[in-house]
């Protein structure tokens, strides 16, 4: 599976907290867009992701994709308000170090 879109995505186990973290960064090409084009790109990504979710047959992959879609939707108003520095890494704690749908989604993924 190829993960397209504005984000770099990784899963890390935080040894200090014992929690698993979803880490999202903005790809350089997305960072370089002007604010209006970033919003357009993110909206298009959310729409394309919805189509991919509907076409996905693996429920674990589907769950991981839905979570990324929800995160993107939550980030949208903050990008509209220009509240998020583009060079920041967004860290979302997703629970103790255990397997999750993200593991399957990201295991064979490549970023484009």
Protein backbone atom coordinates (compact mmCIF):
# COMPACT_ATOMS: atom_id res chain seq x y z
CA UNK A 1 0.00 0.00 0.00
CA UNK A 2 1.19 3.49 -0.79
CA UNK A 3 0.35 6.29 1.64
CA UNK A 4 -0.15 9.52 -0.23
CA UNK A 5 -0.98 12.91 1.17
CA UNK A 6 0.51 15.78 3.09
CA UNK A 7 1.81 13.81 6.09
CA UNK A 8 4.74 11.72 7.09
CA UNK A 9 3.37 9.14 9.50
CA UNK A 10 5.17 6.99 12.04
CA UNK A 11 4.37 4.94 15.12
CA UNK A 12 6.81 5.11 18.00
CA UNK A 13 6.87 3.53 21.43
CA UNK A 14 7.76 6.14 24.05
CA UNK A 15 9.96 4.37 26.59
CA UNK A 16 9.52 7.16 29.12
CA UNK A 17 5.72 7.11 29.20
CA UNK A 18 5.12 3.52 28.06
CA UNK A 19 2.66 4.86 25.49
CA UNK A 20 2.54 4.32 21.76
CA UNK A 21 2.58 7.53 19.75
CA UNK A 22 1.28 8.38 16.31
CA UNK A 23 3.61 11.04 14.91
CA UNK A 24 2.56 13.18 11.97
CA UNK A 25 4.72 15.67 10.19
CA UNK A 26 4.03 17.76 7.13
CA UNK A 27 5.91 16.77 3.98
CA UNK A 28 8.24 19.47 2.59
CA UNK A 29 6.14 19.91 -0.57
CA UNK A 30 3.06 20.58 1.58
CA UNK A 31 4.99 23.00 3.79
CA UNK A 32 6.01 25.03 0.75
CA UNK A 33 2.45 25.58 -0.47
CA UNK A 34 0.73 28.85 0.33
CA UNK A 35 -2.02 28.67 2.95
CA UNK A 36 -4.89 28.46 0.45
CA UNK A 37 -3.23 25.67 -1.53
CA UNK A 38 -2.47 23.74 1.69
CA UNK A 39 -6.16 23.85 2.60
CA UNK A 40 -7.16 22.69 -0.86
CA UNK A 41 -4.62 19.86 -0.74
CA UNK A 42 -5.80 18.73 2.70
CA UNK A 43 -9.46 18.78 1.68
CA UNK A 44 -8.64 16.76 -1.44
CA UNK A 45 -6.64 14.32 0.69
CA UNK A 46 -9.56 13.83 3.08
CA UNK A 47 -11.90 13.20 0.15
CA UNK A 48 -9.49 10.76 -1.54
CA UNK A 49 -8.92 8.98 1.76
CA UNK A 50 -12.67 8.46 2.13
CA UNK A 51 -12.75 6.76 -1.29
CA UNK A 52 -9.78 4.59 -0.32
CA UNK A 53 -11.49 3.62 2.95
CA UNK A 54 -14.62 2.58 1.08
CA UNK A 55 -12.55 0.48 -1.35
CA UNK A 56 -10.34 -1.13 1.34
CA UNK A 57 -11.26 -4.71 2.22
CA UNK A 58 -8.87 -5.24 5.14
CA UNK A 59 -10.61 -4.02 8.30
CA UNK A 60 -7.35 -3.26 10.14
CA UNK A 61 -6.12 -1.08 7.26
CA UNK A 62 -9.53 0.53 7.05
CA UNK A 63 -9.44 1.35 10.79
CA UNK A 64 -5.98 2.94 10.49
CA UNK A 65 -7.05 4.95 7.46
CA UNK A 66 -10.18 6.17 9.25
CA UNK A 67 -8.08 7.37 12.16
CA UNK A 68 -5.76 9.31 9.83
CA UNK A 69 -8.84 10.79 8.15
CA UNK A 70 -10.25 11.87 11.53
CA UNK A 71 -6.94 13.47 12.50
CA UNK A 72 -6.80 15.33 9.16
CA UNK A 73 -10.36 16.56 9.66
CA UNK A 74 -9.48 17.77 13.16
CA UNK A 75 -6.40 19.59 11.87
CA UNK A 76 -8.29 21.37 9.08
CA UNK A 77 -9.78 24.22 11.18
CA UNK A 78 -6.39 24.81 12.81
CA UNK A 79 -4.76 25.08 9.41
CA UNK A 80 -7.55 27.41 8.29
CA UNK A 81 -6.70 29.63 11.27
CA UNK A 82 -2.95 29.26 10.50
CA UNK A 83 -2.31 28.00 14.03
CA UNK A 84 0.04 25.11 13.25
CA UNK A 85 3.68 25.68 12.33
CA UNK A 86 4.45 23.56 9.27
CA UNK A 87 7.75 22.30 10.67
CA UNK A 88 6.17 20.82 13.81
CA UNK A 89 5.69 17.11 14.49
CA UNK A 90 2.23 16.38 15.84
CA UNK A 91 2.28 13.65 18.48
CA UNK A 92 -0.89 11.78 19.35
CA UNK A 93 -0.75 9.28 22.19
CA UNK A 94 -2.68 6.18 21.19
CA UNK A 95 -2.16 3.96 24.21
CA UNK A 96 0.29 1.49 25.68
CA UNK A 97 2.74 -0.30 23.41
CA UNK A 98 0.45 -2.88 21.86
CA UNK A 99 -0.49 -3.78 18.33
CA UNK A 100 -2.87 -1.46 16.56
CA UNK A 101 -4.40 -1.08 13.10
CA UNK A 102 -1.59 1.39 12.35
CA UNK A 103 0.97 -1.40 12.57
CA UNK A 104 -0.63 -3.25 9.66
CA UNK A 105 -1.32 -0.05 7.72
CA UNK A 106 2.24 1.22 7.99
CA UNK A 107 4.15 -2.06 7.88
CA UNK A 108 4.27 -2.30 4.10
CA UNK A 109 3.54 1.32 3.30
CA UNK A 110 5.63 3.67 1.27
CA UNK A 111 5.19 7.42 1.27
CA UNK A 112 4.68 9.37 -1.90
